[in-house]
């Protein structure tokens, strides 16, 4: 549902006339509420305090390094996800309705039939979409408003509800983890001398641990209750305000699984990522980059573990790591298995997404494949001219296997991507999609010049044509969109 006064703007787009609750030239949502800003800063400080106590009082002085490192990784990853979720909730437009759009001209353009009615907010003079409510703090109407939360300094609406759910989830997990660590630390300090169980004095250690336990219990109970109410609201497709007012459902009821998908998207690991939103206009590109970075990290981890194994085999195992040889082997094997699993999974997902997007990524895959073929042919020629043992750091059989597999992969990708690149360029050139070609549909749209067709997809000719980080800036005519009532 998109209605603006005679102009086309998509949901979530920033209107330069609507400067209220905006910052950074309208890119971010930010409510200028003193109480909310104080609560948000207090939330960050409490997370930082928990980080300080867990790291400096509990884990770093611990005499068990494996226990410390595992819990450090778990706690810091969860803390990063919690803060990221909080920031996304705070700076994402919850679904605000433009103020003052209920002008006489706008109402006439709605083309209401006799007997049809629409809802107008008397406080912000806006046309209220179905299920929108006015927030007295944000001073705007918000679509599917659940409540205004001072801890995130924003309303919880249809655009940021997922991030709020993730925030409560990760804070609840961190709180439970902190309680577990403090109980273990108390038990350890009671068994041994208090002076040796922490770098701080015994009274300071007790105060730090007690305050962290109180904070963790408080946050755990609060966030678990909020998480339960939010999941129940999503499950039943009924916001907190609608439950309190006991409003009759005038909207179409969907299945419960569909309600969850509307908030979180289709089931994947992106459900648990605060960097991905189901309503994101550019979500395909963000998800593509996320998978690409995970694949690169996994490949780098495999490279490092293989190098470490080779180093440990050439030297004594005792000298190649600070841990014992069995522990080193277990760590490296587990990391290799994890990296291989993530690398294969993300490469498969990356390939399927590239196949679905069909834009200039096919060009780069084709070029990379052709370059890889050129390099492997050169390497084979070099190894044949010289001794196989001297042309690579690996054994001759391993070198041959690596080169053959790379040649097969490069040929497969080169042929596949070149065919798809050709079909896509032909579709853009003739302004006819693959489905329209298969169905042989008659062109009911306005035919443009071929150069104009290319500009609509890639933008005006510049170096940005070849960048996957820019979008075309050519403006095309769109028909007006209106709220349905």
Protein backbone atom coordinates (compact mmCIF):
# COMPACT_ATOMS: atom_id res chain seq x y z
CA UNK A 1 0.00 0.00 0.00
CA UNK A 2 1.59 3.27 -1.14
CA UNK A 3 -0.18 6.58 -1.31
CA UNK A 4 1.49 9.94 -1.68
CA UNK A 5 0.13 13.18 -3.01
CA UNK A 6 0.26 12.63 -6.77
CA UNK A 7 3.79 11.21 -6.82
CA UNK A 8 5.17 7.71 -6.79
CA UNK A 9 7.19 6.66 -3.76
CA UNK A 10 7.72 3.12 -2.55
CA UNK A 11 7.05 2.06 1.01
CA UNK A 12 9.87 3.16 3.30
CA UNK A 13 11.17 5.79 0.83
CA UNK A 14 12.08 9.13 2.37
CA UNK A 15 10.07 12.17 1.45
CA UNK A 16 12.21 15.34 1.65
CA UNK A 17 9.18 17.19 3.04
CA UNK A 18 8.93 14.70 5.93
CA UNK A 19 12.03 15.66 7.95
CA UNK A 20 10.51 14.67 11.27
CA UNK A 21 12.15 11.64 12.94
CA UNK A 22 14.93 11.51 10.33
CA UNK A 23 18.71 11.98 10.43
CA UNK A 24 21.70 11.62 8.08
CA UNK A 25 19.90 13.39 5.24
CA UNK A 26 16.86 11.17 5.64
CA UNK A 27 18.73 7.86 5.36
CA UNK A 28 18.05 6.77 8.94
CA UNK A 29 15.02 6.83 11.22
CA UNK A 30 15.73 8.54 14.54
CA UNK A 31 13.19 9.65 17.14
CA UNK A 32 14.26 12.81 18.98
CA UNK A 33 12.95 11.72 22.37
CA UNK A 34 15.16 12.43 25.39
CA UNK A 35 13.79 9.52 27.46
CA UNK A 36 14.24 7.10 24.56
CA UNK A 37 17.81 8.26 23.83
CA UNK A 38 18.76 7.86 27.53
CA UNK A 39 17.23 4.36 27.64
CA UNK A 40 19.03 3.34 24.43
CA UNK A 41 22.41 4.59 25.76
CA UNK A 42 21.72 2.82 29.08
CA UNK A 43 21.09 -0.43 27.15
CA UNK A 44 24.46 -0.14 25.41
CA UNK A 45 26.23 0.64 28.71
CA UNK A 46 24.69 -2.40 30.42
CA UNK A 47 25.81 -4.66 27.55
CA UNK A 48 29.32 -3.15 27.78
CA UNK A 49 29.35 -3.73 31.55
CA UNK A 50 28.42 -7.38 31.03
CA UNK A 51 31.20 -7.60 28.41
CA UNK A 52 33.70 -6.09 30.88
CA UNK A 53 32.84 -8.45 33.75
CA UNK A 54 32.64 -11.60 31.60
CA UNK A 55 35.97 -10.88 29.89
CA UNK A 56 38.17 -9.32 32.60
CA UNK A 57 36.74 -10.88 35.78
CA UNK A 58 35.61 -14.35 34.63
CA UNK A 59 37.21 -15.60 31.39
CA UNK A 60 40.66 -14.00 30.98
CA UNK A 61 41.90 -14.97 34.51
CA UNK A 62 40.46 -18.50 34.15
CA UNK A 63 43.04 -21.32 34.40
CA UNK A 64 41.14 -23.32 31.73
CA UNK A 65 42.05 -21.85 28.30
CA UNK A 66 39.71 -24.02 26.20
CA UNK A 67 36.75 -23.13 28.45
CA UNK A 68 37.71 -19.44 28.25
CA UNK A 69 38.15 -19.26 24.46
CA UNK A 70 34.92 -21.13 23.66
CA UNK A 71 32.87 -18.92 25.99
CA UNK A 72 34.63 -15.77 24.71
CA UNK A 73 33.63 -16.57 21.14
CA UNK A 74 30.02 -17.44 22.08
CA UNK A 75 29.49 -14.38 24.29
CA UNK A 76 31.10 -11.87 21.90
CA UNK A 77 29.24 -13.18 18.84
CA UNK A 78 25.92 -12.99 20.70
CA UNK A 79 26.78 -9.50 22.02
CA UNK A 80 27.56 -8.30 18.49
CA UNK A 81 24.27 -9.71 17.20
CA UNK A 82 22.34 -8.14 20.09
CA UNK A 83 23.84 -4.66 19.53
CA UNK A 84 23.36 -4.95 15.75
CA UNK A 85 19.70 -5.93 16.27
CA UNK A 86 19.23 -3.01 18.65
CA UNK A 87 20.72 -0.53 16.16
CA UNK A 88 18.64 -1.90 13.27
CA UNK A 89 15.47 -1.64 15.39
CA UNK A 90 16.34 1.90 16.43
CA UNK A 91 17.36 3.27 13.02
CA UNK A 92 14.83 1.45 10.78
CA UNK A 93 11.61 3.23 9.84
CA UNK A 94 8.92 1.11 11.59
CA UNK A 95 6.41 1.88 8.82
CA UNK A 96 5.54 5.52 9.31
CA UNK A 97 2.75 7.16 7.33
CA UNK A 98 3.66 10.58 5.82
CA UNK A 99 2.23 13.45 7.87
CA UNK A 100 -0.29 15.82 6.30
CA UNK A 101 -1.04 13.73 3.21
CA UNK A 102 -4.81 13.95 3.78
CA UNK A 103 -5.20 17.01 1.56
CA UNK A 104 -8.35 17.62 -0.47
CA UNK A 105 -6.44 16.95 -3.70
CA UNK A 106 -5.11 13.65 -2.38
CA UNK A 107 -8.55 12.53 -1.23
CA UNK A 108 -10.03 13.33 -4.64
CA UNK A 109 -7.29 11.31 -6.36
CA UNK A 110 -8.24 8.23 -4.33
CA UNK A 111 -11.34 7.89 -6.50
CA UNK A 112 -13.61 6.71 -3.72
CA UNK A 113 -16.96 5.29 -4.75
CA UNK A 114 -20.19 6.27 -3.10
CA UNK A 115 -20.43 4.63 0.32
CA UNK A 116 -16.69 3.98 0.62
CA UNK A 117 -14.90 5.47 3.60
CA UNK A 118 -11.31 6.11 4.61
CA UNK A 119 -9.72 6.85 7.95
CA UNK A 120 -8.02 10.16 8.65
CA UNK A 121 -5.81 10.78 11.67
CA UNK A 122 -6.86 13.99 13.41
CA UNK A 123 -3.47 14.30 15.16
CA UNK A 124 -1.08 14.15 12.19
CA UNK A 125 -3.57 14.84 9.38
CA UNK A 126 -2.67 11.71 7.41
CA UNK A 127 -4.68 9.07 5.62
CA UNK A 128 -4.47 6.04 7.90
CA UNK A 129 -3.94 2.69 6.20
CA UNK A 130 -5.65 -0.33 7.65
CA UNK A 131 -4.11 -1.45 10.97
CA UNK A 132 -2.15 1.81 11.41
CA UNK A 133 -2.14 3.60 14.79
CA UNK A 134 -0.87 6.98 15.92
CA UNK A 135 2.16 7.10 18.24
CA UNK A 136 2.21 10.11 20.57
CA UNK A 137 6.02 9.84 21.03
CA UNK A 138 6.97 9.51 17.34
CA UNK A 139 4.05 11.85 16.46
CA UNK A 140 3.18 9.89 13.31
CA UNK A 141 0.92 6.99 12.38
CA UNK A 142 2.74 3.66 12.12
CA UNK A 143 1.59 0.65 10.08
CA UNK A 144 0.96 -2.47 12.18
CA UNK A 145 2.16 -0.64 15.28
CA UNK A 146 2.66 -3.04 18.20
CA UNK A 147 3.94 -0.62 20.85
CA UNK A 148 6.48 2.14 21.44
CA UNK A 149 9.59 0.79 23.18
CA UNK A 150 11.80 3.38 24.96
CA UNK A 151 14.69 0.86 25.19
CA UNK A 152 15.10 0.99 21.41
CA UNK A 153 13.81 4.60 21.13
CA UNK A 154 11.34 3.69 18.41
CA UNK A 155 7.97 2.18 17.65
CA UNK A 156 7.74 -1.49 16.81
CA UNK A 157 5.95 -1.75 13.47
CA UNK A 158 5.85 -3.83 10.31
CA UNK A 159 9.37 -2.86 9.13
CA UNK A 160 11.43 -3.36 12.30
CA UNK A 161 9.53 -6.06 14.20
CA UNK A 162 11.98 -8.76 13.10
CA UNK A 163 14.94 -6.79 14.48
CA UNK A 164 13.15 -6.25 17.80
CA UNK A 165 12.43 -9.99 18.10
CA UNK A 166 16.10 -10.77 17.40
CA UNK A 167 17.18 -8.16 19.97
CA UNK A 168 15.06 -9.75 22.69
CA UNK A 169 16.22 -13.24 21.65
CA UNK A 170 19.95 -12.45 21.77
CA UNK A 171 19.68 -10.46 25.02
CA UNK A 172 17.82 -13.39 26.63
CA UNK A 173 20.52 -15.85 25.47
CA UNK A 174 23.35 -13.54 26.62
CA UNK A 175 21.65 -13.11 30.01
CA UNK A 176 21.31 -16.89 30.48
CA UNK A 177 24.95 -17.33 29.40
CA UNK A 178 26.09 -14.64 31.87
CA UNK A 179 24.18 -16.32 34.73
CA UNK A 180 25.85 -19.64 33.86
CA UNK A 181 29.32 -18.02 33.84
CA UNK A 182 28.81 -16.16 37.14
CA UNK A 183 27.54 -19.27 38.94
CA UNK A 184 30.58 -21.20 37.67
CA UNK A 185 32.87 -18.36 38.76
CA UNK A 186 31.35 -18.26 42.26
CA UNK A 187 31.79 -22.05 42.55
CA UNK A 188 35.41 -21.80 41.34
CA UNK A 189 36.23 -18.96 43.80
CA UNK A 190 34.68 -20.86 46.71
CA UNK A 191 36.73 -24.00 45.90
CA UNK A 192 39.98 -22.02 45.59
CA UNK A 193 41.29 -18.86 47.23
CA UNK A 194 39.38 -15.68 46.30
CA UNK A 195 42.64 -13.82 45.66
CA UNK A 196 43.65 -16.25 42.91
CA UNK A 197 40.32 -16.50 41.08
CA UNK A 198 40.36 -12.92 39.77
CA UNK A 199 42.77 -10.08 39.02
CA UNK A 200 40.63 -7.82 41.24
CA UNK A 201 40.34 -7.87 45.04
CA UNK A 202 37.79 -10.30 46.59
CA UNK A 203 35.27 -7.54 47.57
CA UNK A 204 35.44 -5.99 44.07
CA UNK A 205 35.03 -9.43 42.45
CA UNK A 206 31.96 -10.18 44.58
CA UNK A 207 30.37 -6.81 43.73
CA UNK A 208 31.02 -7.24 40.00
CA UNK A 209 29.57 -10.76 39.97
CA UNK A 210 26.51 -9.89 42.09
CA UNK A 211 25.65 -6.86 39.96
CA UNK A 212 26.08 -8.90 36.75
CA UNK A 213 23.85 -11.68 38.17
CA UNK A 214 21.14 -9.16 39.09
CA UNK A 215 21.36 -7.47 35.66
CA UNK A 216 21.32 -10.79 33.79
CA UNK A 217 18.30 -12.10 35.76
CA UNK A 218 16.38 -8.86 35.21
CA UNK A 219 17.10 -8.76 31.48
CA UNK A 220 16.49 -12.49 31.03
CA UNK A 221 12.99 -12.34 32.56
CA UNK A 222 12.06 -9.09 30.78
CA UNK A 223 13.32 -10.10 27.31
CA UNK A 224 11.86 -13.61 27.51
CA UNK A 225 8.42 -12.15 28.28
CA UNK A 226 8.78 -9.64 25.41
CA UNK A 227 10.02 -12.37 23.07
CA UNK A 228 7.01 -14.54 23.92
CA UNK A 229 4.51 -11.72 23.40
CA UNK A 230 6.09 -10.73 20.07
CA UNK A 231 6.14 -14.30 18.74
CA UNK A 232 2.53 -14.73 19.85
CA UNK A 233 1.55 -11.48 18.07
CA UNK A 234 3.29 -12.60 14.85
CA UNK A 235 1.86 -16.13 15.10
CA UNK A 236 -1.72 -14.84 15.46
CA UNK A 237 -1.24 -11.80 13.17
CA UNK A 238 -2.49 -9.45 15.86
CA UNK A 239 -0.47 -6.56 17.26
CA UNK A 240 -0.30 -5.62 20.93
CA UNK A 241 -2.55 -2.58 20.41
CA UNK A 242 -5.13 -4.68 18.54
CA UNK A 243 -5.15 -7.20 21.40
CA UNK A 244 -5.60 -4.47 24.02
CA UNK A 245 -8.38 -2.73 22.08
CA UNK A 246 -9.89 -6.09 21.11
CA UNK A 247 -10.33 -4.82 17.57
CA UNK A 248 -12.31 -6.92 15.16
CA UNK A 249 -10.12 -8.38 12.40
CA UNK A 250 -10.98 -6.51 9.17
CA UNK A 251 -7.90 -7.87 7.41
CA UNK A 252 -7.52 -11.15 5.54
CA UNK A 253 -6.45 -13.96 7.87
CA UNK A 254 -3.48 -16.00 6.66
CA UNK A 255 -1.91 -19.22 7.86
CA UNK A 256 0.38 -18.93 10.86
CA UNK A 257 3.44 -20.01 8.88
CA UNK A 258 2.67 -17.26 6.34
CA UNK A 259 2.48 -14.71 9.17
CA UNK A 260 5.98 -15.70 10.28
CA UNK A 261 7.30 -15.52 6.71
CA UNK A 262 5.93 -11.99 6.26
CA UNK A 263 8.08 -10.81 9.19
CA UNK A 264 11.18 -13.00 8.78
CA UNK A 265 11.08 -14.04 5.12
CA UNK A 266 11.54 -17.57 3.81
CA UNK A 267 13.28 -19.89 6.26
CA UNK A 268 17.08 -19.64 6.08
CA UNK A 269 20.02 -18.56 8.25
CA UNK A 270 19.01 -14.98 7.38
CA UNK A 271 16.16 -15.37 9.90
CA UNK A 272 18.74 -14.90 12.67
CA UNK A 273 20.69 -12.09 10.99
CA UNK A 274 19.98 -8.45 11.92
CA UNK A 275 21.64 -7.43 8.64
CA UNK A 276 18.83 -8.88 6.51
CA UNK A 277 15.21 -7.74 6.36
CA UNK A 278 12.35 -9.45 4.51
CA UNK A 279 11.10 -6.02 3.28
CA UNK A 280 14.53 -4.81 2.11
CA UNK A 281 14.43 -3.48 -1.45
CA UNK A 282 18.06 -4.49 -1.96
CA UNK A 283 17.90 -7.70 0.09
CA UNK A 284 19.06 -9.94 -2.79
CA UNK A 285 22.29 -8.01 -3.19
CA UNK A 286 22.92 -7.85 0.59
CA UNK A 287 22.29 -11.59 0.97
CA UNK A 288 24.57 -12.25 -2.00
CA UNK A 289 27.41 -10.24 -0.43
CA UNK A 290 26.84 -11.91 2.96
CA UNK A 291 27.17 -15.36 1.38
CA UNK A 292 30.19 -14.25 -0.63
CA UNK A 293 32.03 -13.01 2.48
CA UNK A 294 31.22 -16.22 4.39
CA UNK A 295 32.56 -18.27 1.45
CA UNK A 296 35.76 -16.18 1.35
CA UNK A 297 36.27 -16.48 5.14
CA UNK A 298 35.73 -20.25 4.94
CA UNK A 299 38.20 -20.62 2.06
CA UNK A 300 40.75 -18.53 3.99
CA UNK A 301 40.26 -20.68 7.11
CA UNK A 302 40.84 -23.85 5.05
CA UNK A 303 44.02 -22.33 3.60
CA UNK A 304 45.32 -21.44 7.09
CA UNK A 305 44.54 -24.86 8.61
CA UNK A 306 46.21 -26.71 5.70
CA UNK A 307 49.29 -24.49 6.14
CA UNK A 308 49.28 -25.16 9.90
CA UNK A 309 49.04 -28.92 9.38
CA UNK A 310 51.96 -28.76 6.92
CA UNK A 311 53.99 -26.67 9.39
CA UNK A 312 53.28 -29.06 12.28
CA UNK A 313 54.20 -32.10 10.19
CA UNK A 314 57.52 -30.52 9.10
CA UNK A 315 58.39 -29.50 12.69
CA UNK A 316 57.66 -31.02 16.09
CA UNK A 317 53.98 -30.90 17.09
CA UNK A 318 54.89 -29.60 20.54
CA UNK A 319 56.51 -26.47 19.12
CA UNK A 320 53.87 -25.53 16.53
CA UNK A 321 51.16 -24.56 19.04
CA UNK A 322 50.71 -23.45 22.65
CA UNK A 323 48.28 -26.34 23.18
CA UNK A 324 49.05 -30.04 23.42
CA UNK A 325 49.30 -32.00 20.11
CA UNK A 326 45.92 -33.80 20.57
CA UNK A 327 44.13 -30.52 21.36
CA UNK A 328 45.79 -28.81 18.38
CA UNK A 329 44.69 -31.63 16.04
CA UNK A 330 41.11 -31.51 17.37
CA UNK A 331 40.93 -27.71 16.95
CA UNK A 332 42.31 -27.83 13.41
CA UNK A 333 40.11 -30.74 12.34
CA UNK A 334 36.98 -29.10 13.74
CA UNK A 335 37.84 -25.78 12.06
CA UNK A 336 38.52 -27.55 8.75
CA UNK A 337 35.21 -29.42 8.93
CA UNK A 338 33.33 -26.23 9.84
CA UNK A 339 35.02 -24.20 7.09
CA UNK A 340 34.40 -26.90 4.46
CA UNK A 341 30.75 -27.14 5.48
CA UNK A 342 30.23 -23.37 5.32
CA UNK A 343 32.25 -23.02 2.12
CA UNK A 344 30.27 -25.70 0.25
CA UNK A 345 26.91 -24.46 1.58
CA UNK A 346 27.55 -20.79 0.82
CA UNK A 347 29.04 -21.54 -2.62
CA UNK A 348 25.93 -23.55 -3.54
CA UNK A 349 23.62 -20.80 -2.25
CA UNK A 350 25.76 -18.17 -3.94
CA UNK A 351 25.53 -20.00 -7.25
CA UNK A 352 21.76 -20.41 -7.01
CA UNK A 353 21.33 -16.74 -6.14
CA UNK A 354 23.53 -15.65 -9.05
CA UNK A 355 21.41 -17.90 -11.22
CA UNK A 356 18.27 -16.17 -9.91
CA UNK A 357 19.55 -12.59 -10.22
CA UNK A 358 21.09 -12.83 -13.71
CA UNK A 359 22.80 -9.50 -13.80
CA UNK A 360 26.42 -8.49 -14.40
CA UNK A 361 27.70 -11.21 -11.99
CA UNK A 362 27.52 -13.65 -14.94
CA UNK A 363 30.04 -11.46 -16.76
CA UNK A 364 32.53 -11.61 -13.90
CA UNK A 365 32.11 -15.37 -13.42
CA UNK A 366 32.73 -15.88 -17.14
CA UNK A 367 35.86 -13.69 -17.05
CA UNK A 368 37.19 -15.42 -13.91
CA UNK A 369 36.60 -18.84 -15.49
CA UNK A 370 38.39 -17.86 -18.71
CA UNK A 371 41.30 -16.46 -16.67
CA UNK A 372 41.50 -19.66 -14.59
CA UNK A 373 41.62 -21.78 -17.78
CA UNK A 374 44.44 -19.58 -19.12
CA UNK A 375 46.44 -19.96 -15.87
CA UNK A 376 46.00 -23.75 -15.63
CA UNK A 377 47.05 -24.27 -19.27
CA UNK A 378 50.15 -22.15 -18.62
CA UNK A 379 50.90 -24.11 -15.44
CA UNK A 380 50.57 -27.46 -17.24
CA UNK A 381 52.93 -26.23 -19.98
CA UNK A 382 55.43 -25.02 -17.36
CA UNK A 383 55.33 -28.32 -15.44
CA UNK A 384 55.81 -30.35 -18.63
CA UNK A 385 58.84 -28.26 -19.65
CA UNK A 386 60.45 -28.53 -16.18
CA UNK A 387 60.41 -31.17 -13.44
CA UNK A 388 57.02 -31.67 -11.77
CA UNK A 389 58.60 -31.57 -8.32
CA UNK A 390 59.94 -28.06 -8.86
CA UNK A 391 56.84 -26.46 -10.40
CA UNK A 392 54.71 -26.56 -7.23
CA UNK A 393 55.04 -26.75 -3.45
CA UNK A 394 52.72 -29.78 -3.48
CA UNK A 395 53.49 -33.30 -4.68
CA UNK A 396 53.05 -34.02 -8.45
CA UNK A 397 49.83 -36.08 -7.96
CA UNK A 398 48.27 -33.38 -5.78
CA UNK A 399 49.28 -30.67 -8.30
CA UNK A 400 47.71 -32.61 -11.18
CA UNK A 401 44.47 -33.17 -9.22
CA UNK A 402 44.23 -29.49 -8.26
CA UNK A 403 44.83 -28.31 -11.82
CA UNK A 404 42.43 -30.83 -13.40
CA UNK A 405 39.67 -29.97 -10.95
CA UNK A 406 40.18 -26.24 -11.52
CA UNK A 407 40.15 -26.74 -15.31
CA UNK A 408 36.90 -28.74 -15.14
CA UNK A 409 35.29 -26.17 -12.82
CA UNK A 410 36.42 -23.22 -14.96
CA UNK A 411 35.20 -24.82 -18.21
CA UNK A 412 31.83 -25.65 -16.65
CA UNK A 413 31.32 -22.14 -15.28
CA UNK A 414 32.68 -20.46 -18.42
CA UNK A 415 30.27 -22.25 -20.76
CA UNK A 416 27.30 -21.89 -18.42
CA UNK A 417 27.80 -18.19 -17.61
CA UNK A 418 28.62 -17.20 -21.21
CA UNK A 419 25.37 -18.78 -22.42
CA UNK A 420 23.38 -17.05 -19.69
CA UNK A 421 25.21 -13.75 -20.29
CA UNK A 422 24.30 -13.94 -23.98
CA UNK A 423 20.64 -14.71 -23.30
CA UNK A 424 20.38 -11.89 -20.75
CA UNK A 425 22.01 -9.30 -23.00
CA UNK A 426 19.71 -10.40 -25.84
CA UNK A 427 16.66 -10.06 -23.54
CA UNK A 428 17.75 -6.56 -22.43
CA UNK A 429 18.62 -5.53 -26.02
CA UNK A 430 15.19 -6.56 -27.34
CA UNK A 431 13.27 -5.55 -24.17
CA UNK A 432 11.75 -9.02 -23.86
CA UNK A 433 12.13 -11.30 -20.84
CA UNK A 434 12.77 -15.02 -21.05
CA UNK A 435 9.19 -15.86 -20.02
CA UNK A 436 7.79 -13.49 -22.67
CA UNK A 437 9.97 -15.16 -25.30
CA UNK A 438 8.85 -18.65 -24.26
CA UNK A 439 5.16 -17.69 -24.17
CA UNK A 440 5.56 -15.62 -27.38
CA UNK A 441 3.52 -12.86 -25.79
CA UNK A 442 2.45 -9.92 -27.89
CA UNK A 443 4.21 -6.70 -26.86
CA UNK A 444 1.63 -4.51 -25.12
CA UNK A 445 4.29 -2.19 -23.69
CA UNK A 446 5.86 0.85 -25.34
CA UNK A 447 8.85 -0.14 -27.44
CA UNK A 448 11.97 1.92 -26.82
CA UNK A 449 15.30 2.15 -28.58
CA UNK A 450 17.79 -0.61 -27.80
CA UNK A 451 20.22 1.83 -26.22
CA UNK A 452 17.41 3.05 -23.93
CA UNK A 453 16.68 -0.58 -22.93
CA UNK A 454 20.30 -0.99 -21.87
CA UNK A 455 20.26 2.29 -19.93
CA UNK A 456 17.13 1.25 -17.98
CA UNK A 457 18.99 -1.81 -16.66
CA UNK A 458 22.52 -0.44 -16.26
CA UNK A 459 22.04 3.34 -16.10
CA UNK A 460 23.89 5.93 -18.11
CA UNK A 461 27.22 4.76 -19.47
CA UNK A 462 29.99 5.08 -16.89
CA UNK A 463 32.34 2.90 -14.86
CA UNK A 464 29.35 2.18 -12.58
CA UNK A 465 28.10 -0.17 -15.33
CA UNK A 466 30.69 -2.69 -14.16
CA UNK A 467 30.18 -2.22 -10.41
CA UNK A 468 27.82 -4.53 -8.45
CA UNK A 469 27.57 -1.87 -5.71
CA UNK A 470 25.65 0.75 -7.70
CA UNK A 471 22.11 0.82 -9.05
CA UNK A 472 20.89 2.60 -12.19
CA UNK A 473 19.79 6.19 -11.64
CA UNK A 474 17.66 6.51 -14.79
CA UNK A 475 14.17 7.71 -13.83
CA UNK A 476 11.23 5.99 -15.49
CA UNK A 477 7.59 6.95 -15.36
CA UNK A 478 5.45 5.11 -12.86
CA UNK A 479 1.78 5.29 -12.28
CA UNK A 480 0.48 6.60 -8.97
CA UNK A 481 -0.11 4.20 -6.10
CA UNK A 482 -2.85 4.67 -3.56
CA UNK A 483 -3.87 3.23 -0.25
CA UNK A 484 -6.58 0.64 -0.48
CA UNK A 485 -9.45 1.17 1.95
